[in-house]
Amino acid sequence: MEEEVFEQVVGVFHSLVWWVAAGAMVFGGVVPYVPQYRDIRRSQNAEGFSTYVCLVLLVANILRILFRFGRYFDTLLLLQSAVMIATMLVMLNLCTGVRMASDLNTKRRSFIATDGKDEDVRVPKRTFLDFDWNHFWSWSHFLDYVQCVLAFTLVAAYVTYLLLDSAVFVETLGFLAVFTEAMLGTPQLHCNYQNKSTEGMSIKMVLMWTSGDTFKTVYFLLTQAPVQFWTCGLLQVFVDFAILFQVYYYSRYPQKPLSHAVSHATSAKAL
């Protein structure tokens, strides 16, 4: 009787651990963006967040979903990609609205300073359908970003459908998906080296990246995910530890004044 109770308790504990791990795997990647979202909404200033982060993560996760058609992997990783895509679209919607309002206010102040009429204020609109590479990913409305994402998804899906029987293509697709995401921290690493400083970078946030990427890589190994996942996961952990080493190393020397480049690159890993 006691053994049966013990086995039931162990079974419940294992189930609880699995659900916690599953929840952390699916939603853990979006946690760093929650304070960023709240900060942008509160300050109505999106200059501290680079929308190119959204671009990288959208491309990486769309490719990962397409990779599953050619090579099966755990469903939780599929859900993780879907949640991340939704999160990046939410961030883009917020940033686009805030920046549009900021541009309008700046233009209005400029017109008032030159005795212009407030009703004459117009902000130049840039759209995806202009196909102007000078303004790529710097469009005026959220709908333009949605159009771009849909166009990329349709083209990538069509190419995947045509080449799905090619093992080389499928494996390359999987590698590109996870490698793109793994390289997300390299701009921060390079910028720290270039400026010989980590001033203005949140150490707590870097620790959060490291713990999350480590957990994710261990999960890949335990679930026997495709080799692309855990190799690029290890690469991502290496980049995180390299940034932590920079924090230690540059703290031994006087920190340089925080430059715009440092601030911009810090946002690229989503403060």
C-alpha atoms as a PDB file:
ATOM      1  CA  MET A   1       0.000   0.000   0.000  1.00  0.00           C
ATOM      2  CA  GLU A   2       2.750   2.409   0.964  1.00  0.00           C
ATOM      3  CA  GLU A   3       4.657   1.504  -2.189  1.00  0.00           C
ATOM      4  CA  GLU A   4       1.598   2.304  -4.330  1.00  0.00           C
ATOM      5  CA  VAL A   5       1.183   5.675  -2.613  1.00  0.00           C
ATOM      6  CA  PHE A   6       4.872   6.395  -3.080  1.00  0.00           C
ATOM      7  CA  GLU A   7       4.681   5.486  -6.780  1.00  0.00           C
ATOM      8  CA  GLN A   8       1.650   7.755  -7.210  1.00  0.00           C
ATOM      9  CA  VAL A   9       3.458  10.636  -5.511  1.00  0.00           C
ATOM     10  CA  VAL A  10       6.506  10.094  -7.710  1.00  0.00           C
ATOM     11  CA  GLY A  11       4.267   9.931 -10.779  1.00  0.00           C
ATOM     12  CA  VAL A  12       2.550  13.199  -9.862  1.00  0.00           C
ATOM     13  CA  PHE A  13       5.928  14.812  -9.179  1.00  0.00           C
ATOM     14  CA  HIS A  14       7.281  13.693 -12.559  1.00  0.00           C
ATOM     15  CA  SER A  15       4.174  15.021 -14.299  1.00  0.00           C
ATOM     16  CA  LEU A  16       4.516  18.333 -12.486  1.00  0.00           C
ATOM     17  CA  VAL A  17       8.187  18.611 -13.444  1.00  0.00           C
ATOM     18  CA  TRP A  18       7.339  17.799 -17.061  1.00  0.00           C
ATOM     19  CA  TRP A  19       4.613  20.453 -17.238  1.00  0.00           C
ATOM     20  CA  VAL A  20       6.889  23.056 -15.660  1.00  0.00           C
ATOM     21  CA  ALA A  21       9.688  22.183 -18.083  1.00  0.00           C
ATOM     22  CA  ALA A  22       7.265  22.246 -21.003  1.00  0.00           C
ATOM     23  CA  GLY A  23       5.921  25.644 -19.984  1.00  0.00           C
ATOM     24  CA  ALA A  24       9.444  27.013 -19.564  1.00  0.00           C
ATOM     25  CA  MET A  25      10.416  25.660 -22.970  1.00  0.00           C
ATOM     26  CA  VAL A  26       7.411  27.140 -24.778  1.00  0.00           C
ATOM     27  CA  PHE A  27       7.135  30.493 -23.008  1.00  0.00           C
ATOM     28  CA  GLY A  28      10.606  31.012 -21.524  1.00  0.00           C
ATOM     29  CA  GLY A  29      11.957  32.609 -24.683  1.00  0.00           C
ATOM     30  CA  VAL A  30       9.435  35.446 -24.605  1.00  0.00           C
ATOM     31  CA  VAL A  31       9.935  36.385 -20.933  1.00  0.00           C
ATOM     32  CA  PRO A  32      12.785  38.897 -21.622  1.00  0.00           C
ATOM     33  CA  TYR A  33      10.476  40.818 -23.951  1.00  0.00           C
ATOM     34  CA  VAL A  34       7.777  41.371 -21.334  1.00  0.00           C
ATOM     35  CA  PRO A  35       9.637  44.138 -19.428  1.00  0.00           C
ATOM     36  CA  GLN A  36      10.727  45.630 -22.768  1.00  0.00           C
ATOM     37  CA  TYR A  37       7.113  45.770 -23.930  1.00  0.00           C
ATOM     38  CA  ARG A  38       5.971  47.367 -20.682  1.00  0.00           C
ATOM     39  CA  ASP A  39       8.798  49.899 -20.784  1.00  0.00           C
ATOM     40  CA  ILE A  40       7.961  50.954 -24.344  1.00  0.00           C
ATOM     41  CA  ARG A  41       4.285  51.338 -23.514  1.00  0.00           C
ATOM     42  CA  ARG A  42       5.033  53.321 -20.379  1.00  0.00           C
ATOM     43  CA  SER A  43       7.609  55.635 -21.935  1.00  0.00           C
ATOM     44  CA  GLN A  44       6.105  55.758 -25.435  1.00  0.00           C
ATOM     45  CA  ASN A  45       9.681  55.536 -26.685  1.00  0.00           C
ATOM     46  CA  ALA A  46      10.807  52.606 -28.846  1.00  0.00           C
ATOM     47  CA  GLU A  47      14.313  53.881 -29.653  1.00  0.00           C
ATOM     48  CA  GLY A  48      15.896  51.471 -27.189  1.00  0.00           C
ATOM     49  CA  PHE A  49      14.604  48.401 -29.015  1.00  0.00           C
ATOM     50  CA  SER A  50      15.792  47.298 -32.448  1.00  0.00           C
ATOM     51  CA  THR A  51      13.039  45.875 -34.634  1.00  0.00           C
ATOM     52  CA  TYR A  52      15.725  43.878 -36.453  1.00  0.00           C
ATOM     53  CA  VAL A  53      15.569  41.542 -33.455  1.00  0.00           C
ATOM     54  CA  CYS A  54      12.004  40.806 -34.511  1.00  0.00           C
ATOM     55  CA  LEU A  55      13.156  40.223 -38.101  1.00  0.00           C
ATOM     56  CA  VAL A  56      15.813  37.706 -37.067  1.00  0.00           C
ATOM     57  CA  LEU A  57      13.501  35.795 -34.753  1.00  0.00           C
ATOM     58  CA  LEU A  58      10.623  35.776 -37.240  1.00  0.00           C
ATOM     59  CA  VAL A  59      12.853  34.359 -39.988  1.00  0.00           C
ATOM     60  CA  ALA A  60      14.426  31.805 -37.648  1.00  0.00           C
ATOM     61  CA  ASN A  61      11.129  30.497 -36.294  1.00  0.00           C
ATOM     62  CA  ILE A  62       9.339  30.425 -39.656  1.00  0.00           C
ATOM     63  CA  LEU A  63      12.199  28.356 -41.065  1.00  0.00           C
ATOM     64  CA  ARG A  64      12.079  26.098 -38.008  1.00  0.00           C
ATOM     65  CA  ILE A  65       8.371  25.385 -38.568  1.00  0.00           C
ATOM     66  CA  LEU A  66       9.022  24.581 -42.236  1.00  0.00           C
ATOM     67  CA  PHE A  67      11.912  22.331 -41.196  1.00  0.00           C
ATOM     68  CA  ARG A  68       9.451  20.153 -39.266  1.00  0.00           C
ATOM     69  CA  PHE A  69       7.772  19.129 -42.517  1.00  0.00           C
ATOM     70  CA  GLY A  70      11.007  17.486 -43.585  1.00  0.00           C
ATOM     71  CA  ARG A  71      12.380  16.356 -40.239  1.00  0.00           C
ATOM     72  CA  TYR A  72      10.182  15.614 -37.232  1.00  0.00           C
ATOM     73  CA  PHE A  73      11.078  17.183 -33.886  1.00  0.00           C
ATOM     74  CA  ASP A  74       9.323  17.625 -30.555  1.00  0.00           C
ATOM     75  CA  THR A  75       5.938  19.363 -30.641  1.00  0.00           C
ATOM     76  CA  LEU A  76       6.960  21.683 -27.806  1.00  0.00           C
ATOM     77  CA  LEU A  77       9.611  23.209 -30.064  1.00  0.00           C
ATOM     78  CA  LEU A  78       6.925  23.796 -32.676  1.00  0.00           C
ATOM     79  CA  LEU A  79       4.742  25.544 -30.100  1.00  0.00           C
ATOM     80  CA  GLN A  80       7.749  27.578 -28.961  1.00  0.00           C
ATOM     81  CA  SER A  81       8.215  28.875 -32.505  1.00  0.00           C
ATOM     82  CA  ALA A  82       4.532  29.773 -32.829  1.00  0.00           C
ATOM     83  CA  VAL A  83       4.589  31.675 -29.522  1.00  0.00           C
ATOM     84  CA  MET A  84       7.778  33.522 -30.491  1.00  0.00           C
ATOM     85  CA  ILE A  85       6.328  34.551 -33.869  1.00  0.00           C
ATOM     86  CA  ALA A  86       3.215  35.916 -32.158  1.00  0.00           C
ATOM     87  CA  THR A  87       5.370  37.771 -29.618  1.00  0.00           C
ATOM     88  CA  MET A  88       7.521  39.399 -32.282  1.00  0.00           C
ATOM     89  CA  LEU A  89       4.426  40.542 -34.176  1.00  0.00           C
ATOM     90  CA  VAL A  90       3.066  42.094 -30.985  1.00  0.00           C
ATOM     91  CA  MET A  91       6.379  43.885 -30.424  1.00  0.00           C
ATOM     92  CA  LEU A  92       6.390  45.148 -34.014  1.00  0.00           C
ATOM     93  CA  ASN A  93       2.848  46.427 -33.669  1.00  0.00           C
ATOM     94  CA  LEU A  94       3.738  48.355 -30.525  1.00  0.00           C
ATOM     95  CA  CYS A  95       7.018  49.774 -31.870  1.00  0.00           C
ATOM     96  CA  THR A  96       5.467  50.846 -35.159  1.00  0.00           C
ATOM     97  CA  GLY A  97       2.627  52.664 -33.420  1.00  0.00           C
ATOM     98  CA  VAL A  98       4.934  54.388 -30.940  1.00  0.00           C
ATOM     99  CA  ARG A  99       7.437  55.474 -33.586  1.00  0.00           C
ATOM    100  CA  MET A 100       4.706  56.735 -35.890  1.00  0.00           C
ATOM    101  CA  ALA A 101       3.297  58.849 -33.066  1.00  0.00           C
ATOM    102  CA  SER A 102       6.794  60.079 -32.188  1.00  0.00           C
ATOM    103  CA  ASP A 103       7.516  61.090 -35.797  1.00  0.00           C
ATOM    104  CA  LEU A 104       4.191  62.906 -35.969  1.00  0.00           C
ATOM    105  CA  ASN A 105       4.893  64.818 -32.757  1.00  0.00           C
ATOM    106  CA  THR A 106       8.394  65.747 -33.959  1.00  0.00           C
ATOM    107  CA  LYS A 107       7.025  66.971 -37.277  1.00  0.00           C
ATOM    108  CA  ARG A 108       4.291  68.932 -35.518  1.00  0.00           C
ATOM    109  CA  ARG A 109       6.796  70.659 -33.220  1.00  0.00           C
ATOM    110  CA  SER A 110       8.924  71.526 -36.256  1.00  0.00           C
ATOM    111  CA  PHE A 111       5.956  73.064 -38.033  1.00  0.00           C
ATOM    112  CA  ILE A 112       4.945  75.058 -34.963  1.00  0.00           C
ATOM    113  CA  ALA A 113       8.511  76.345 -34.555  1.00  0.00           C
ATOM    114  CA  THR A 114       8.437  77.620 -38.144  1.00  0.00           C
ATOM    115  CA  ASP A 115       4.937  79.117 -37.791  1.00  0.00           C
ATOM    116  CA  GLY A 116       3.426  76.337 -39.860  1.00  0.00           C
ATOM    117  CA  LYS A 117      -0.173  75.214 -39.488  1.00  0.00           C
ATOM    118  CA  ASP A 118      -0.749  72.173 -37.322  1.00  0.00           C
ATOM    119  CA  GLU A 119      -3.252  70.705 -39.775  1.00  0.00           C
ATOM    120  CA  ASP A 120      -0.592  70.732 -42.508  1.00  0.00           C
ATOM    121  CA  VAL A 121       1.545  68.198 -40.650  1.00  0.00           C
ATOM    122  CA  ARG A 122       2.215  65.097 -42.739  1.00  0.00           C
ATOM    123  CA  VAL A 123       4.620  62.257 -42.011  1.00  0.00           C
ATOM    124  CA  PRO A 124       6.123  60.591 -45.112  1.00  0.00           C
ATOM    125  CA  LYS A 125       4.774  57.070 -45.426  1.00  0.00           C
ATOM    126  CA  ARG A 126       6.998  54.150 -46.336  1.00  0.00           C
ATOM    127  CA  THR A 127       5.322  50.910 -47.380  1.00  0.00           C
ATOM    128  CA  PHE A 128       6.433  47.368 -48.127  1.00  0.00           C
ATOM    129  CA  LEU A 129       4.915  47.554 -51.609  1.00  0.00           C
ATOM    130  CA  ASP A 130       7.303  50.394 -52.500  1.00  0.00           C
ATOM    131  CA  PHE A 131      10.033  47.728 -52.617  1.00  0.00           C
ATOM    132  CA  ASP A 132      12.577  50.339 -51.582  1.00  0.00           C
ATOM    133  CA  TRP A 133      15.550  48.548 -50.018  1.00  0.00           C
ATOM    134  CA  ASN A 134      16.707  51.792 -48.410  1.00  0.00           C
ATOM    135  CA  HIS A 135      13.672  51.609 -46.154  1.00  0.00           C
ATOM    136  CA  PHE A 136      13.514  47.847 -45.706  1.00  0.00           C
ATOM    137  CA  TRP A 137      12.066  46.940 -42.298  1.00  0.00           C
ATOM    138  CA  SER A 138      11.528  50.635 -41.547  1.00  0.00           C
ATOM    139  CA  TRP A 139       7.957  50.968 -42.741  1.00  0.00           C
ATOM    140  CA  SER A 140       5.265  53.239 -41.419  1.00  0.00           C
ATOM    141  CA  HIS A 141       2.498  50.755 -40.581  1.00  0.00           C
ATOM    142  CA  PHE A 142       2.306  47.376 -38.918  1.00  0.00           C
ATOM    143  CA  LEU A 143       0.395  45.958 -41.889  1.00  0.00           C
ATOM    144  CA  ASP A 144       3.504  46.384 -44.038  1.00  0.00           C
ATOM    145  CA  TYR A 145       5.477  44.135 -41.706  1.00  0.00           C
ATOM    146  CA  VAL A 146       2.684  41.558 -41.823  1.00  0.00           C
ATOM    147  CA  GLN A 147       2.753  41.654 -45.627  1.00  0.00           C
ATOM    148  CA  CYS A 148       6.512  41.111 -45.624  1.00  0.00           C
ATOM    149  CA  VAL A 149       6.275  38.185 -43.193  1.00  0.00           C
ATOM    150  CA  LEU A 150       3.482  36.581 -45.211  1.00  0.00           C
ATOM    151  CA  ALA A 151       5.402  37.033 -48.477  1.00  0.00           C
ATOM    152  CA  PHE A 152       8.538  35.459 -46.983  1.00  0.00           C
ATOM    153  CA  THR A 153       6.509  32.593 -45.497  1.00  0.00           C
ATOM    154  CA  LEU A 154       4.759  31.823 -48.790  1.00  0.00           C
ATOM    155  CA  VAL A 155       7.977  31.902 -50.816  1.00  0.00           C
ATOM    156  CA  ALA A 156       9.874  29.808 -48.252  1.00  0.00           C
ATOM    157  CA  ALA A 157       6.973  27.343 -47.997  1.00  0.00           C
ATOM    158  CA  TYR A 158       6.800  26.985 -51.794  1.00  0.00           C
ATOM    159  CA  VAL A 159      10.537  26.359 -52.100  1.00  0.00           C
ATOM    160  CA  THR A 160      10.343  23.873 -49.213  1.00  0.00           C
ATOM    161  CA  TYR A 161       7.468  22.049 -50.929  1.00  0.00           C
ATOM    162  CA  LEU A 162       9.456  21.749 -54.145  1.00  0.00           C
ATOM    163  CA  LEU A 163      12.651  20.527 -52.446  1.00  0.00           C
ATOM    164  CA  LEU A 164      11.177  18.548 -49.566  1.00  0.00           C
ATOM    165  CA  ASP A 165      12.531  15.278 -50.962  1.00  0.00           C
ATOM    166  CA  SER A 166      16.088  16.619 -50.892  1.00  0.00           C
ATOM    167  CA  ALA A 167      17.800  15.583 -47.670  1.00  0.00           C
ATOM    168  CA  VAL A 168      20.502  18.205 -48.228  1.00  0.00           C
ATOM    169  CA  PHE A 169      17.941  20.980 -48.515  1.00  0.00           C
ATOM    170  CA  VAL A 170      16.003  19.838 -45.435  1.00  0.00           C
ATOM    171  CA  GLU A 171      19.118  19.617 -43.271  1.00  0.00           C
ATOM    172  CA  THR A 172      20.332  23.001 -44.538  1.00  0.00           C
ATOM    173  CA  LEU A 173      16.929  24.511 -43.773  1.00  0.00           C
ATOM    174  CA  GLY A 174      17.107  23.244 -40.207  1.00  0.00           C
ATOM    175  CA  PHE A 175      20.626  24.560 -39.780  1.00  0.00           C
ATOM    176  CA  LEU A 176      19.700  28.030 -41.094  1.00  0.00           C
ATOM    177  CA  ALA A 177      16.717  28.173 -38.738  1.00  0.00           C
ATOM    178  CA  VAL A 178      18.630  27.541 -35.529  1.00  0.00           C
ATOM    179  CA  PHE A 179      21.893  29.179 -36.637  1.00  0.00           C
ATOM    180  CA  THR A 180      20.083  32.471 -37.333  1.00  0.00           C
ATOM    181  CA  GLU A 181      18.688  32.502 -33.815  1.00  0.00           C
ATOM    182  CA  ALA A 182      22.015  31.423 -32.309  1.00  0.00           C
ATOM    183  CA  MET A 183      23.756  34.433 -33.859  1.00  0.00           C
ATOM    184  CA  LEU A 184      21.370  36.918 -32.240  1.00  0.00           C
ATOM    185  CA  GLY A 185      23.859  37.801 -29.480  1.00  0.00           C
ATOM    186  CA  THR A 186      26.896  38.331 -31.697  1.00  0.00           C
ATOM    187  CA  PRO A 187      26.191  42.043 -32.415  1.00  0.00           C
ATOM    188  CA  GLN A 188      26.308  42.668 -28.660  1.00  0.00           C
ATOM    189  CA  LEU A 189      29.529  40.671 -28.343  1.00  0.00           C
ATOM    190  CA  HIS A 190      31.178  42.587 -31.186  1.00  0.00           C
ATOM    191  CA  CYS A 191      29.978  45.956 -29.931  1.00  0.00           C
ATOM    192  CA  ASN A 192      31.346  45.296 -26.429  1.00  0.00           C
ATOM    193  CA  TYR A 193      34.713  44.396 -27.938  1.00  0.00           C
ATOM    194  CA  GLN A 194      34.688  47.436 -30.200  1.00  0.00           C
ATOM    195  CA  ASN A 195      33.868  49.838 -27.359  1.00  0.00           C
ATOM    196  CA  LYS A 196      35.954  48.008 -24.733  1.00  0.00           C
ATOM    197  CA  SER A 197      32.994  48.465 -22.410  1.00  0.00           C
ATOM    198  CA  THR A 198      29.816  46.780 -21.209  1.00  0.00           C
ATOM    199  CA  GLU A 199      28.415  49.907 -19.598  1.00  0.00           C
ATOM    200  CA  GLY A 200      24.662  50.199 -19.956  1.00  0.00           C
ATOM    201  CA  MET A 201      24.177  46.447 -20.416  1.00  0.00           C
ATOM    202  CA  SER A 202      22.012  44.604 -17.898  1.00  0.00           C
ATOM    203  CA  ILE A 203      24.031  41.804 -16.304  1.00  0.00           C
ATOM    204  CA  LYS A 204      20.824  40.283 -14.929  1.00  0.00           C
ATOM    205  CA  MET A 205      19.483  40.092 -18.452  1.00  0.00           C
ATOM    206  CA  VAL A 206      22.632  38.374 -19.724  1.00  0.00           C
ATOM    207  CA  LEU A 207      22.328  35.854 -16.906  1.00  0.00           C
ATOM    208  CA  MET A 208      18.725  35.291 -17.971  1.00  0.00           C
ATOM    209  CA  TRP A 209      19.854  34.673 -21.561  1.00  0.00           C
ATOM    210  CA  THR A 210      22.529  32.247 -20.375  1.00  0.00           C
ATOM    211  CA  SER A 211      20.251  30.251 -18.096  1.00  0.00           C
ATOM    212  CA  GLY A 212      17.511  30.111 -20.732  1.00  0.00           C
ATOM    213  CA  ASP A 213      19.849  29.065 -23.537  1.00  0.00           C
ATOM    214  CA  THR A 214      21.498  26.459 -21.303  1.00  0.00           C
ATOM    215  CA  PHE A 215      18.132  24.991 -20.337  1.00  0.00           C
ATOM    216  CA  LYS A 216      17.069  24.945 -23.981  1.00  0.00           C
ATOM    217  CA  THR A 217      20.263  23.191 -25.106  1.00  0.00           C
ATOM    218  CA  VAL A 218      19.962  20.548 -22.379  1.00  0.00           C
ATOM    219  CA  TYR A 219      16.367  19.988 -23.457  1.00  0.00           C
ATOM    220  CA  PHE A 220      17.514  19.492 -27.046  1.00  0.00           C
ATOM    221  CA  LEU A 221      20.027  16.884 -25.926  1.00  0.00           C
ATOM    222  CA  LEU A 222      17.606  15.020 -23.649  1.00  0.00           C
ATOM    223  CA  THR A 223      14.846  14.876 -26.258  1.00  0.00           C
ATOM    224  CA  GLN A 224      17.300  13.848 -28.982  1.00  0.00           C
ATOM    225  CA  ALA A 225      16.380  16.814 -31.140  1.00  0.00           C
ATOM    226  CA  PRO A 226      18.005  17.065 -34.593  1.00  0.00           C
ATOM    227  CA  VAL A 227      21.721  17.780 -34.431  1.00  0.00           C
ATOM    228  CA  GLN A 228      21.257  21.319 -35.767  1.00  0.00           C
ATOM    229  CA  PHE A 229      19.303  22.261 -32.642  1.00  0.00           C
ATOM    230  CA  TRP A 230      21.783  21.263 -29.969  1.00  0.00           C
ATOM    231  CA  THR A 231      24.927  22.293 -31.871  1.00  0.00           C
ATOM    232  CA  CYS A 232      23.576  25.800 -32.442  1.00  0.00           C
ATOM    233  CA  GLY A 233      22.251  25.796 -28.887  1.00  0.00           C
ATOM    234  CA  LEU A 234      25.795  25.170 -27.661  1.00  0.00           C
ATOM    235  CA  LEU A 235      26.997  27.995 -29.895  1.00  0.00           C
ATOM    236  CA  GLN A 236      24.388  30.318 -28.377  1.00  0.00           C
ATOM    237  CA  VAL A 237      25.487  29.379 -24.851  1.00  0.00           C
ATOM    238  CA  PHE A 238      29.111  30.021 -25.855  1.00  0.00           C
ATOM    239  CA  VAL A 239      28.197  33.527 -27.059  1.00  0.00           C
ATOM    240  CA  ASP A 240      26.361  34.205 -23.774  1.00  0.00           C
ATOM    241  CA  PHE A 241      29.350  33.119 -21.701  1.00  0.00           C
ATOM    242  CA  ALA A 242      31.641  35.201 -23.907  1.00  0.00           C
ATOM    243  CA  ILE A 243      29.508  38.265 -23.110  1.00  0.00           C
ATOM    244  CA  LEU A 244      29.653  37.435 -19.391  1.00  0.00           C
ATOM    245  CA  PHE A 245      33.436  37.182 -19.664  1.00  0.00           C
ATOM    246  CA  GLN A 246      33.465  40.633 -21.261  1.00  0.00           C
ATOM    247  CA  VAL A 247      31.498  41.964 -18.279  1.00  0.00           C
ATOM    248  CA  TYR A 248      34.173  40.571 -15.939  1.00  0.00           C
ATOM    249  CA  TYR A 249      37.130  41.616 -18.098  1.00  0.00           C
ATOM    250  CA  TYR A 250      36.066  45.185 -18.879  1.00  0.00           C
ATOM    251  CA  SER A 251      35.054  45.790 -15.272  1.00  0.00           C
ATOM    252  CA  ARG A 252      38.774  45.750 -14.438  1.00  0.00           C
ATOM    253  CA  TYR A 253      39.237  48.944 -16.478  1.00  0.00           C
ATOM    254  CA  PRO A 254      37.474  52.327 -16.349  1.00  0.00           C
ATOM    255  CA  GLN A 255      34.258  52.132 -18.349  1.00  0.00           C
ATOM    256  CA  LYS A 256      33.892  54.367 -21.384  1.00  0.00           C
ATOM    257  CA  PRO A 257      30.869  56.664 -21.687  1.00  0.00           C
ATOM    258  CA  LEU A 258      27.863  54.851 -23.042  1.00  0.00           C
ATOM    259  CA  SER A 259      27.566  55.422 -26.772  1.00  0.00           C
ATOM    260  CA  HIS A 260      24.538  55.110 -28.996  1.00  0.00           C
ATOM    261  CA  ALA A 261      26.096  52.051 -30.572  1.00  0.00           C
ATOM    262  CA  VAL A 262      26.275  50.225 -27.257  1.00  0.00           C
ATOM    263  CA  SER A 263      22.694  51.110 -26.405  1.00  0.00           C
ATOM    264  CA  HIS A 264      21.466  50.009 -29.823  1.00  0.00           C
ATOM    265  CA  ALA A 265      23.344  46.728 -29.745  1.00  0.00           C
ATOM    266  CA  THR A 266      22.160  45.975 -26.219  1.00  0.00           C
ATOM    267  CA  SER A 267      18.605  46.133 -27.459  1.00  0.00           C
ATOM    268  CA  ALA A 268      19.471  43.635 -30.168  1.00  0.00           C
ATOM    269  CA  LYS A 269      19.447  40.913 -27.537  1.00  0.00           C
ATOM    270  CA  ALA A 270      16.246  42.435 -26.159  1.00  0.00           C
ATOM    271  CA  LEU A 271      16.720  44.227 -22.874  1.00  0.00           C
END
